[in-house]
Protein backbone atom coordinates (compact mmCIF):
# COMPACT_ATOMS: atom_id res chain seq x y z
CA MET A 1 -23.71 6.56 -9.94
CA GLU A 2 -20.37 5.81 -11.63
CA LEU A 3 -17.54 8.25 -11.04
CA VAL A 4 -14.91 8.30 -13.98
CA GLY A 5 -11.91 9.96 -15.04
CA THR A 6 -8.70 11.47 -13.66
CA ARG A 7 -8.78 14.95 -12.26
CA GLY A 8 -7.02 17.40 -14.58
CA SER A 9 -6.49 14.88 -17.43
CA PRO A 10 -8.92 15.91 -20.20
CA HIS A 11 -8.20 13.36 -22.81
CA GLU A 12 -8.11 10.38 -20.37
CA THR A 13 -11.26 11.49 -18.74
CA PHE A 14 -13.04 12.04 -22.05
CA ALA A 15 -12.05 8.41 -23.16
CA ASP A 16 -13.21 7.08 -19.68
CA LEU A 17 -16.55 9.06 -20.05
CA LYS A 18 -17.22 7.69 -23.62
CA GLU A 19 -16.68 4.14 -22.27
CA ALA A 20 -18.93 4.72 -19.33
CA VAL A 21 -21.91 5.94 -21.43
CA LYS A 22 -21.74 3.11 -24.02
CA GLY A 23 -25.30 1.82 -24.66
CA THR A 24 -26.98 5.15 -23.57
CA HIS A 25 -29.89 6.29 -25.55
CA PHE A 26 -28.49 9.73 -26.16
CA ASP A 27 -31.77 11.23 -27.40
CA GLY A 28 -33.13 10.88 -23.96
CA ALA A 29 -29.90 11.80 -22.11
CA VAL A 30 -29.24 14.92 -19.98
CA VAL A 31 -25.80 16.29 -19.79
CA THR A 32 -24.99 18.75 -16.99
CA LEU A 33 -21.61 20.66 -16.97
CA VAL A 34 -20.66 21.15 -13.27
CA THR A 35 -18.25 24.11 -12.28
CA ASP A 36 -17.25 25.97 -9.37
CA TRP A 37 -17.60 29.63 -10.40
CA GLN A 38 -20.55 31.55 -11.84
CA ASP A 39 -19.83 33.38 -15.10
CA GLN A 40 -16.17 32.47 -15.24
CA ARG A 41 -16.19 30.18 -18.31
CA LYS A 42 -12.93 31.59 -19.64
CA ASN A 43 -11.08 30.20 -16.59
CA ALA A 44 -13.51 27.39 -15.55
CA ARG A 45 -12.97 23.80 -14.77
CA PHE A 46 -15.80 21.40 -15.51
CA ALA A 47 -16.99 18.02 -14.48
CA VAL A 48 -19.66 16.28 -16.50
CA PHE A 49 -22.76 14.49 -15.13
CA VAL A 50 -24.64 12.40 -17.61
CA ARG A 51 -28.03 10.81 -16.78
CA GLN A 52 -30.38 8.80 -18.92
CA GLY A 53 -33.03 6.63 -17.16
CA PRO A 54 -31.41 5.03 -14.21
CA HIS A 55 -27.76 5.28 -15.70
CA ARG A 56 -25.77 8.01 -14.06
CA VAL A 57 -22.14 8.90 -14.72
CA LEU A 58 -20.15 11.78 -13.12
CA SER A 59 -16.65 12.58 -14.38
CA LEU A 60 -13.99 14.19 -12.28
CA ASP A 61 -13.11 17.74 -13.24
CA ALA A 62 -10.88 17.65 -16.24
CA PHE A 63 -12.49 19.87 -18.75
CA GLY A 64 -12.36 23.56 -19.59
CA PRO A 65 -9.81 26.37 -19.82
CA ARG A 66 -8.54 25.81 -16.21
CA PHE A 67 -6.80 22.77 -17.66
CA GLY A 68 -5.13 24.75 -20.34
CA PRO A 69 -5.69 24.50 -24.18
CA GLU A 70 -6.05 20.74 -23.86
CA GLY A 71 -8.75 21.08 -21.28
CA ASP A 72 -10.51 23.70 -23.35
CA GLN A 73 -10.35 21.70 -26.52
CA ALA A 74 -11.58 18.60 -24.78
CA LEU A 75 -14.62 20.58 -23.41
CA ARG A 76 -15.51 21.68 -26.86
CA GLU A 77 -15.02 18.19 -28.34
CA MET A 78 -17.00 16.54 -25.53
CA VAL A 79 -19.96 18.94 -25.89
CA GLN A 80 -19.87 18.49 -29.76
CA TRP A 81 -19.67 14.72 -29.38
CA PHE A 82 -22.77 14.57 -27.17
CA GLN A 83 -24.55 16.82 -29.65
CA GLU A 84 -23.62 14.61 -32.59
CA ARG A 85 -25.23 11.65 -30.81
CA GLY A 86 -28.54 13.40 -30.30
CA VAL A 87 -28.28 15.04 -26.81
CA THR A 88 -30.38 18.15 -26.74
CA HIS A 89 -30.69 18.64 -23.00
CA PHE A 90 -27.75 20.51 -21.64
CA TYR A 91 -27.63 22.03 -18.08
CA GLU A 92 -25.01 23.59 -15.85
CA SER A 93 -24.71 23.34 -12.13
CA VAL A 94 -22.54 25.88 -10.31
CA PHE A 95 -21.36 25.19 -6.76
CA PRO A 96 -19.03 27.23 -4.40
CA PRO A 97 -15.50 25.83 -4.53
CA SER A 98 -15.78 24.17 -1.10
CA GLU A 99 -18.96 22.38 -2.04
CA TYR A 100 -17.65 21.54 -5.50
CA ALA A 101 -14.69 19.59 -4.00
CA ALA A 102 -17.06 17.82 -1.65
CA LEU A 103 -19.29 16.74 -4.55
CA PHE A 104 -16.95 13.91 -5.65
CA GLU A 105 -16.90 12.46 -2.05
CA MET A 106 -20.76 12.37 -1.60
CA ASP A 107 -22.90 9.29 -1.49
CA SER A 108 -24.01 8.59 -5.11
CA ASP A 109 -27.74 9.16 -4.31
CA GLU A 110 -26.94 12.47 -2.46
CA ALA A 111 -24.74 13.66 -5.39
CA ASP A 112 -27.41 12.67 -7.88
CA HIS A 113 -30.19 14.59 -6.09
CA LEU A 114 -27.99 17.65 -5.64
CA LEU A 115 -26.82 17.69 -9.33
CA VAL A 116 -30.42 17.44 -10.54
CA ALA A 117 -31.69 20.05 -8.14
CA THR A 118 -29.14 22.67 -9.00
CA ALA A 119 -29.14 22.23 -12.83
CA ASN A 120 -30.21 25.14 -14.81
CA PRO A 121 -30.75 24.91 -18.67
CA ALA A 122 -27.65 25.90 -20.77
CA ASP A 123 -27.00 26.54 -24.35
CA PRO A 124 -24.17 24.27 -25.48
CA LEU A 125 -22.81 26.98 -27.58
CA LEU A 126 -21.44 28.61 -24.33
CA TYR A 127 -18.92 25.82 -24.21
CA ILE A 128 -17.96 25.39 -27.82
CA LYS A 129 -18.16 28.74 -29.71
CA ARG A 130 -15.09 31.10 -29.23
CA GLY A 131 -16.07 34.70 -29.18
CA PHE A 132 -19.19 34.41 -26.92
CA ALA A 133 -18.78 37.00 -24.12
CA SER A 134 -18.90 34.02 -21.62
CA ARG A 135 -15.80 32.41 -23.30
CA MET A 136 -13.69 35.64 -23.44
């Protein structure tokens, strides 16, 4: 698994993520948004885990409202960017804060298995549409 980005830097991390997924067949890709609090999207921080075939990429946490308006905007843009490329499988994994921090230090195989096992289907509109109860 490739770890990309800079914690707390949404635009830089998004650029690194785009570079890391070049050549991905997006119609078969799975995008998992990884956070540390359940039902707290209005204040949440997110990392992004992208998998397609054997290719695995995990970003550091840099997306979402926790990183201010830039982080919130980058989250929306990133989800829309994946949708525009044909991704239809979006998931969310939620970890307690202590486990969330440890995720980025884990062995790649262990992190991969944990992220896949904890992923639940998610509607991408949760991350991009203002006015949803989960975004207020």
